């Protein structure tokens, strides 16, 4: 790999411009040496179009690659530094998980995600920033979420999005004592989403709903629409996201199994011709099986996160159960584990071909800088080639 970018120093504005204008091949087998991938026609380039999300003036690029800041695993000061490095490396989006407690006690951290994003916005210029995801129904009131993200948007206009979800007991029940059944949590999420949008409009919002009573307005509403994405991990939630959000946050397995439900909800809401975002969380390890096993110890809950660990309010109990119930091999069996950049690039391209518009790299490795440098030096350039000009991120 040679000297990493982070040893060479930060990139110039020329680099940032080159990444902002990134074009993509619909399939890049000829560039990364993957059998079975072909370009469209002889030498023809298929260029992704930038598109508006929820009317935002600065769109989230189609076929973007993001980097996940794991609030559960690292301190806030470290996460801010990692976010800066991710922008310098060429990532398009930086996301933060939003937790009161970590999933497992041995993860060891759980800073306030909104403050992480606020601090990171001061240190970056280009990347989109948002949560994957915030629960706007229990420990946060939807009016407070609307105000918080409107304020972030005022600081960093055109760079903020909001991801929302129905929550986990380790956050919501632990903070409030409330944890109703899934149907109520889903209904609350829909109602909260509507309140957030109405407040963002700047109009006086008077609502006596089933779960929330609001009589207020935001005196500093967003100057442009904020994309609102919704998390889903099953068929009912996928359809709900299609109906009520500007896009989706999910994992690759759920997307491949139930994307028809998301499309169904989207069409039922009359958004057939509107642009939509599909964010896929993608676990990746730059290393070997030993590295994957070390990471999996911290993310062992994954295979049973939504059945049944989502209903457990104690991270120590989740850690205990996952150790007794889930073999490590089960945790990382679907992760990309390799030091070959072609393998990592191929996995991202496959997700794009399945309909994803953003692939969010999540690595449980302790050495996050290694992951960022590897992707910046070796993987992202393989995806950006085909633009007809020199990739300015390479020496």
Protein backbone atom coordinates (compact mmCIF):
# COMPACT_ATOMS: atom_id res chain seq x y z
CA UNK A 1 0.00 0.00 0.00
CA UNK A 2 2.94 2.32 0.55
CA UNK A 3 2.64 5.48 2.58
CA UNK A 4 -0.90 6.03 3.85
CA UNK A 5 -2.78 9.25 3.24
CA UNK A 6 -2.85 9.98 6.93
CA UNK A 7 0.95 9.97 6.98
CA UNK A 8 1.06 12.20 3.92
CA UNK A 9 -1.21 14.79 5.54
CA UNK A 10 -4.70 16.12 4.77
CA UNK A 11 -6.03 16.38 1.27
CA UNK A 12 -6.46 19.65 -0.55
CA UNK A 13 -9.70 21.17 -1.80
CA UNK A 14 -8.82 19.71 -5.20
CA UNK A 15 -9.16 16.26 -3.69
CA UNK A 16 -12.49 17.09 -2.10
CA UNK A 17 -13.81 18.42 -5.42
CA UNK A 18 -12.72 15.26 -7.20
CA UNK A 19 -14.57 13.12 -4.71
CA UNK A 20 -17.67 15.33 -4.79
CA UNK A 21 -17.83 14.75 -8.54
CA UNK A 22 -17.27 11.01 -8.26
CA UNK A 23 -18.74 8.99 -11.09
CA UNK A 24 -19.40 5.33 -11.00
CA UNK A 25 -19.39 2.42 -13.42
CA UNK A 26 -22.59 0.43 -13.21
CA UNK A 27 -20.29 -2.58 -12.91
CA UNK A 28 -16.55 -2.39 -12.52
CA UNK A 29 -15.33 -5.93 -13.05
CA UNK A 30 -12.86 -4.84 -15.70
CA UNK A 31 -11.28 -2.44 -13.22
CA UNK A 32 -11.16 -4.62 -10.13
CA UNK A 33 -10.65 -8.00 -11.75
CA UNK A 34 -13.92 -9.58 -10.66
CA UNK A 35 -15.19 -12.37 -12.88
CA UNK A 36 -18.70 -11.96 -14.18
CA UNK A 37 -18.85 -8.13 -14.03
CA UNK A 38 -19.13 -6.29 -17.32
CA UNK A 39 -19.38 -2.68 -18.39
CA UNK A 40 -22.43 -1.55 -20.33
CA UNK A 41 -21.31 -1.79 -23.93
CA UNK A 42 -17.76 -1.62 -25.24
CA UNK A 43 -15.97 1.04 -23.22
CA UNK A 44 -19.24 2.79 -22.34
CA UNK A 45 -19.37 4.51 -18.96
CA UNK A 46 -22.56 4.57 -16.95
CA UNK A 47 -22.53 7.71 -14.83
CA UNK A 48 -24.74 8.02 -11.77
CA UNK A 49 -26.85 11.15 -11.59
CA UNK A 50 -26.96 13.36 -8.55
CA UNK A 51 -30.48 13.62 -7.25
CA UNK A 52 -32.51 15.55 -4.75
CA UNK A 53 -33.67 13.83 -1.59
CA UNK A 54 -36.81 15.40 -0.12
CA UNK A 55 -36.09 18.52 -2.15
CA UNK A 56 -32.72 19.21 -0.55
CA UNK A 57 -30.67 21.70 -2.57
CA UNK A 58 -27.51 19.64 -2.12
CA UNK A 59 -28.39 16.01 -2.79
CA UNK A 60 -26.97 12.94 -1.13
CA UNK A 61 -25.11 11.43 -4.05
CA UNK A 62 -26.39 8.26 -5.59
CA UNK A 63 -23.95 5.41 -5.00
CA UNK A 64 -22.22 7.01 -2.06
CA UNK A 65 -19.98 5.28 0.47
CA UNK A 66 -20.30 6.23 4.12
CA UNK A 67 -18.40 5.47 7.31
CA UNK A 68 -20.15 4.50 10.55
CA UNK A 69 -19.02 6.09 13.82
CA UNK A 70 -19.75 3.50 16.50
CA UNK A 71 -20.75 5.54 19.55
CA UNK A 72 -20.92 2.25 21.46
CA UNK A 73 -17.27 1.35 20.88
CA UNK A 74 -15.26 4.59 20.99
CA UNK A 75 -15.06 7.86 22.92
CA UNK A 76 -16.51 11.01 21.43
CA UNK A 77 -13.12 12.75 20.93
CA UNK A 78 -11.88 9.68 19.04
CA UNK A 79 -15.03 9.52 16.93
CA UNK A 80 -14.61 13.15 15.86
CA UNK A 81 -11.05 12.45 14.75
CA UNK A 82 -12.19 9.36 12.85
CA UNK A 83 -14.88 11.38 11.10
CA UNK A 84 -12.31 13.94 9.97
CA UNK A 85 -10.08 11.16 8.63
CA UNK A 86 -13.05 9.60 6.83
CA UNK A 87 -13.73 12.83 4.92
CA UNK A 88 -10.06 13.15 4.04
CA UNK A 89 -10.07 9.57 2.79
CA UNK A 90 -12.92 10.29 0.37
CA UNK A 91 -16.01 8.96 2.13
CA UNK A 92 -19.20 10.81 1.16
CA UNK A 93 -21.22 10.33 4.34
CA UNK A 94 -20.38 9.97 8.04
CA UNK A 95 -23.07 8.49 10.27
CA UNK A 96 -23.37 8.06 14.03
CA UNK A 97 -25.32 5.52 16.03
CA UNK A 98 -27.54 7.18 18.67
CA UNK A 99 -27.59 5.31 21.99
CA UNK A 100 -28.01 5.93 25.69
CA UNK A 101 -26.22 2.65 26.42
CA UNK A 102 -24.15 0.33 24.23
CA UNK A 103 -25.64 -2.93 22.96
CA UNK A 104 -23.11 -4.90 25.00
CA UNK A 105 -21.42 -3.76 28.19
CA UNK A 106 -17.98 -4.73 26.86
CA UNK A 107 -18.31 -2.17 24.06
CA UNK A 108 -17.71 0.36 26.80
CA UNK A 109 -19.01 3.70 25.47
CA UNK A 110 -22.12 5.63 24.54
CA UNK A 111 -21.61 9.36 23.98
CA UNK A 112 -24.28 11.77 22.80
CA UNK A 113 -24.44 11.39 19.03
CA UNK A 114 -25.84 14.86 18.28
CA UNK A 115 -22.84 16.48 19.96
CA UNK A 116 -20.50 14.23 17.99
CA UNK A 117 -22.11 15.42 14.75
CA UNK A 118 -22.00 19.04 15.85
CA UNK A 119 -18.30 18.86 16.68
CA UNK A 120 -17.54 16.94 13.50
CA UNK A 121 -19.34 19.49 11.36
CA UNK A 122 -16.89 22.13 12.57
CA UNK A 123 -13.95 20.01 11.43
CA UNK A 124 -15.29 18.92 8.02
CA UNK A 125 -16.52 20.69 4.90
CA UNK A 126 -18.08 18.17 2.55
CA UNK A 127 -19.50 14.98 4.05
CA UNK A 128 -23.15 14.46 4.85
CA UNK A 129 -23.77 13.95 8.58
CA UNK A 130 -26.63 12.16 10.30
CA UNK A 131 -27.81 9.47 12.67
CA UNK A 132 -28.44 5.80 11.95
CA UNK A 133 -30.63 6.02 13.86
CA UNK A 134 -32.36 8.29 16.39
CA UNK A 135 -35.50 7.11 18.20
CA UNK A 136 -37.84 10.17 18.38
CA UNK A 137 -40.54 8.64 20.55
CA UNK A 138 -39.48 8.03 24.19
CA UNK A 139 -36.22 9.46 25.55
CA UNK A 140 -36.44 12.18 22.88
CA UNK A 141 -39.72 13.98 22.25
CA UNK A 142 -40.33 14.48 18.50
CA UNK A 143 -40.45 18.27 18.95
CA UNK A 144 -36.98 18.19 20.52
CA UNK A 145 -35.67 16.05 17.65
CA UNK A 146 -37.12 18.54 15.15
CA UNK A 147 -35.44 21.43 16.96
CA UNK A 148 -32.12 19.62 17.33
CA UNK A 149 -31.75 18.70 13.68
CA UNK A 150 -33.03 22.06 12.47
CA UNK A 151 -30.25 23.58 14.56
CA UNK A 152 -27.64 21.23 13.10
CA UNK A 153 -28.90 22.15 9.64
CA UNK A 154 -28.49 25.86 10.45
CA UNK A 155 -24.87 25.22 11.35
CA UNK A 156 -24.17 22.96 8.36
CA UNK A 157 -26.78 23.71 5.69
CA UNK A 158 -27.21 21.08 3.01
CA UNK A 159 -25.17 18.49 4.93
CA UNK A 160 -27.58 17.10 7.54
CA UNK A 161 -29.99 14.18 7.37
CA UNK A 162 -32.02 12.46 10.08
CA UNK A 163 -32.40 8.71 10.41
CA UNK A 164 -35.19 7.55 12.74
CA UNK A 165 -36.21 4.21 14.19
CA UNK A 166 -38.53 2.63 16.75
CA UNK A 167 -35.80 2.17 19.36
CA UNK A 168 -34.42 -0.52 21.64
CA UNK A 169 -35.21 -1.34 25.25
CA UNK A 170 -31.57 -0.73 26.23
CA UNK A 171 -32.13 2.93 25.35
CA UNK A 172 -35.83 3.69 25.64
CA UNK A 173 -36.96 1.46 28.49
CA UNK A 174 -33.73 2.10 30.37
CA UNK A 175 -34.27 5.88 30.21
CA UNK A 176 -38.04 6.16 30.63
CA UNK A 177 -39.41 2.84 31.92
CA UNK A 178 -41.64 2.65 28.85
CA UNK A 179 -41.44 -0.18 26.33
CA UNK A 180 -44.79 -1.05 24.72
CA UNK A 181 -45.33 -3.66 22.03
CA UNK A 182 -44.01 -3.26 18.48
CA UNK A 183 -47.32 -2.04 17.03
CA UNK A 184 -47.45 0.88 19.44
CA UNK A 185 -43.78 1.70 18.92
CA UNK A 186 -44.37 1.74 15.17
CA UNK A 187 -47.46 3.95 15.51
CA UNK A 188 -45.51 6.34 17.72
CA UNK A 189 -42.72 6.51 15.13
CA UNK A 190 -45.16 7.42 12.35
CA UNK A 191 -46.81 10.11 14.49
CA UNK A 192 -43.44 11.49 15.59
CA UNK A 193 -42.21 11.64 12.00
CA UNK A 194 -45.25 13.69 11.00
CA UNK A 195 -44.71 16.11 13.90
CA UNK A 196 -41.04 16.57 12.97
CA UNK A 197 -41.91 17.39 9.36
CA UNK A 198 -44.64 19.85 10.35
CA UNK A 199 -42.33 21.67 12.75
CA UNK A 200 -39.59 21.78 10.13
CA UNK A 201 -42.01 23.66 7.86
CA UNK A 202 -41.87 26.60 10.27
CA UNK A 203 -45.65 26.69 10.61
CA UNK A 204 -47.46 26.71 13.94
CA UNK A 205 -48.15 23.10 14.77
CA UNK A 206 -51.22 22.32 16.85
CA UNK A 207 -51.72 18.61 17.20
CA UNK A 208 -53.54 16.43 19.65
CA UNK A 209 -52.49 13.00 18.56
CA UNK A 210 -52.85 9.55 19.97
CA UNK A 211 -49.46 9.76 21.68
CA UNK A 212 -48.27 13.37 21.48
CA UNK A 213 -49.84 16.78 22.04
CA UNK A 214 -47.92 19.63 20.44
CA UNK A 215 -48.73 23.34 20.28
CA UNK A 216 -45.57 25.06 19.08
CA UNK A 217 -43.53 26.31 16.15
CA UNK A 218 -39.85 26.37 15.34
CA UNK A 219 -38.64 29.94 15.04
CA UNK A 220 -35.50 28.76 13.23
CA UNK A 221 -36.76 26.11 10.81
CA UNK A 222 -34.43 24.52 8.28
CA UNK A 223 -33.61 26.75 5.32
CA UNK A 224 -33.96 23.69 3.07
CA UNK A 225 -35.60 20.30 3.57
CA UNK A 226 -33.73 17.75 5.69
CA UNK A 227 -33.84 14.20 4.30
CA UNK A 228 -35.61 11.92 6.77
CA UNK A 229 -34.75 8.22 6.54
CA UNK A 230 -36.38 5.40 8.51
CA UNK A 231 -34.83 2.19 9.81
CA UNK A 232 -36.40 -1.20 9.13
CA UNK A 233 -35.46 -4.76 10.00
CA UNK A 234 -38.51 -6.74 8.86
CA UNK A 235 -41.26 -6.73 6.20
CA UNK A 236 -43.79 -4.57 8.11
CA UNK A 237 -41.16 -2.01 9.00
CA UNK A 238 -39.88 -1.97 5.41
CA UNK A 239 -43.32 -1.12 4.11
CA UNK A 240 -43.70 1.56 6.81
CA UNK A 241 -40.41 3.16 5.78
CA UNK A 242 -41.52 3.26 2.17
CA UNK A 243 -44.76 4.98 3.13
CA UNK A 244 -43.50 7.55 5.61
CA UNK A 245 -39.84 8.39 4.90
CA UNK A 246 -37.59 9.79 2.21
CA UNK A 247 -35.50 6.65 2.34
CA UNK A 248 -34.44 3.55 4.22
CA UNK A 249 -31.76 2.46 6.68
CA UNK A 250 -31.33 -1.31 6.87
CA UNK A 251 -28.92 -4.23 6.56
CA UNK A 252 -28.12 -6.13 3.38
CA UNK A 253 -30.00 -9.29 4.39
CA UNK A 254 -33.23 -7.43 5.16
CA UNK A 255 -32.89 -5.38 1.97
CA UNK A 256 -32.45 -8.40 -0.26
CA UNK A 257 -35.29 -10.32 1.40
CA UNK A 258 -37.88 -7.57 1.77
CA UNK A 259 -37.08 -4.71 -0.58
CA UNK A 260 -40.35 -5.43 -2.37
CA UNK A 261 -42.20 -4.32 0.78
CA UNK A 262 -40.29 -1.05 0.83
CA UNK A 263 -41.11 -0.45 -2.82
CA UNK A 264 -44.74 -1.35 -2.14
CA UNK A 265 -45.00 1.21 0.65
CA UNK A 266 -43.27 3.82 -1.50
CA UNK A 267 -45.72 3.32 -4.33
CA UNK A 268 -48.75 3.26 -2.01
CA UNK A 269 -47.72 6.69 -0.76
CA UNK A 270 -47.76 7.99 -4.34
CA UNK A 271 -44.01 8.51 -4.51
CA UNK A 272 -43.48 6.31 -7.55
CA UNK A 273 -41.32 8.81 -9.43
CA UNK A 274 -39.61 10.42 -6.44
CA UNK A 275 -35.96 9.80 -5.67
CA UNK A 276 -35.33 7.66 -2.62
CA UNK A 277 -32.29 6.80 -0.52
CA UNK A 278 -31.42 3.27 0.53
CA UNK A 279 -28.69 3.17 3.19
CA UNK A 280 -27.22 -0.30 3.77
CA UNK A 281 -25.09 -1.01 6.85
CA UNK A 282 -22.17 -3.12 5.63
CA UNK A 283 -19.83 -4.86 8.09
CA UNK A 284 -16.26 -5.09 6.89
CA UNK A 285 -12.96 -6.18 8.42
CA UNK A 286 -9.59 -5.24 6.94
CA UNK A 287 -7.64 -8.27 8.06
CA UNK A 288 -8.01 -11.99 8.62
CA UNK A 289 -10.29 -14.28 10.60
CA UNK A 290 -8.45 -13.50 13.83
CA UNK A 291 -9.26 -9.81 13.33
CA UNK A 292 -12.88 -10.69 12.58
CA UNK A 293 -13.18 -12.78 15.74
CA UNK A 294 -11.84 -9.93 17.87
CA UNK A 295 -14.37 -7.52 16.34
CA UNK A 296 -17.19 -10.02 16.66
CA UNK A 297 -16.67 -10.25 20.43
CA UNK A 298 -17.97 -6.68 20.63
CA UNK A 299 -20.80 -7.12 18.12
CA UNK A 300 -21.83 -10.62 19.10
CA UNK A 301 -25.47 -9.64 19.66
CA UNK A 302 -25.96 -8.97 15.93
CA UNK A 303 -27.67 -12.19 14.78
CA UNK A 304 -30.30 -11.84 17.53
CA UNK A 305 -30.40 -8.06 17.82
CA UNK A 306 -34.05 -7.76 16.79
CA UNK A 307 -35.23 -11.13 18.05
CA UNK A 308 -35.08 -11.07 21.07
CA UNK A 309 -32.34 -8.74 22.35
CA UNK A 310 -34.15 -5.57 21.30
CA UNK A 311 -36.44 -6.16 24.29
CA UNK A 312 -33.66 -6.41 26.90
CA UNK A 313 -32.78 -3.13 28.69
CA UNK A 314 -29.47 -4.27 30.23
CA UNK A 315 -26.30 -4.33 28.05
CA UNK A 316 -24.59 -6.67 30.51
CA UNK A 317 -27.42 -9.17 30.10
CA UNK A 318 -27.28 -8.90 26.31
CA UNK A 319 -23.53 -9.56 26.43
CA UNK A 320 -24.04 -12.56 28.71
CA UNK A 321 -26.74 -14.08 26.53
CA UNK A 322 -24.91 -13.49 23.26
CA UNK A 323 -21.80 -15.25 24.59
CA UNK A 324 -23.83 -18.31 25.55
CA UNK A 325 -26.16 -18.38 22.55
CA UNK A 326 -24.24 -17.13 19.50
CA UNK A 327 -21.01 -18.71 18.18
CA UNK A 328 -18.50 -16.13 16.96
CA UNK A 329 -18.50 -17.70 13.49
CA UNK A 330 -22.21 -16.91 13.22
CA UNK A 331 -21.52 -13.23 13.90
CA UNK A 332 -19.04 -12.63 11.09
CA UNK A 333 -20.12 -15.24 8.55
CA UNK A 334 -21.64 -12.56 6.28
CA UNK A 335 -19.02 -9.88 6.92
CA UNK A 336 -16.43 -9.01 4.30
CA UNK A 337 -13.14 -10.13 5.86
CA UNK A 338 -10.12 -9.58 3.62
CA UNK A 339 -7.01 -7.53 2.93
CA UNK A 340 -7.76 -7.64 -0.80
CA UNK A 341 -9.25 -4.30 -1.89
CA UNK A 342 -10.91 -6.01 -4.87
CA UNK A 343 -12.98 -8.13 -2.50
CA UNK A 344 -14.15 -5.05 -0.58
CA UNK A 345 -14.91 -3.12 -3.77
CA UNK A 346 -16.85 -6.03 -5.27
CA UNK A 347 -19.04 -6.30 -2.16
CA UNK A 348 -19.93 -2.60 -2.38
CA UNK A 349 -20.69 -2.82 -6.09
CA UNK A 350 -22.94 -5.82 -5.51
CA UNK A 351 -24.96 -3.78 -3.01
CA UNK A 352 -25.25 -0.92 -5.48
CA UNK A 353 -26.45 -3.34 -8.13
CA UNK A 354 -29.12 -4.59 -5.70
CA UNK A 355 -30.53 -1.06 -5.44
CA UNK A 356 -28.61 0.49 -2.54
CA UNK A 357 -27.81 4.17 -2.97
CA UNK A 358 -25.43 4.40 0.02
CA UNK A 359 -23.23 1.70 1.52
CA UNK A 360 -22.25 2.47 5.10
CA UNK A 361 -18.98 0.81 6.13
CA UNK A 362 -19.12 -0.45 9.70
CA UNK A 363 -16.04 -2.11 11.12
CA UNK A 364 -15.81 -3.40 14.66
CA UNK A 365 -12.03 -3.37 14.57
CA UNK A 366 -10.13 -1.58 17.31
CA UNK A 367 -7.87 0.06 14.71
CA UNK A 368 -10.38 2.22 12.85
CA UNK A 369 -7.60 4.27 11.29
CA UNK A 370 -6.36 1.20 9.45
CA UNK A 371 -9.82 0.67 7.98
CA UNK A 372 -10.20 4.30 6.89
CA UNK A 373 -6.73 4.43 5.33
CA UNK A 374 -7.26 1.12 3.50
CA UNK A 375 -10.56 2.24 2.02
CA UNK A 376 -9.20 5.67 1.12
CA UNK A 377 -6.03 4.36 -0.49
CA UNK A 378 -7.22 1.10 -2.00
CA UNK A 379 -10.99 0.68 -2.22
CA UNK A 380 -12.60 4.04 -2.98
CA UNK A 381 -10.24 4.74 -5.92
CA UNK A 382 -11.30 1.44 -7.49
CA UNK A 383 -14.91 2.58 -7.31
CA UNK A 384 -14.18 6.08 -8.62
CA UNK A 385 -12.28 5.00 -11.74
CA UNK A 386 -14.07 5.23 -15.03
CA UNK A 387 -14.55 8.98 -14.80
CA UNK A 388 -12.14 9.63 -17.67
CA UNK A 389 -9.67 11.61 -15.58
CA UNK A 390 -6.85 10.93 -13.19
CA UNK A 391 -7.92 9.95 -9.70
CA UNK A 392 -6.37 12.74 -7.65
CA UNK A 393 -6.40 10.67 -4.48
CA UNK A 394 -3.61 8.47 -5.80
CA UNK A 395 0.06 9.58 -5.87
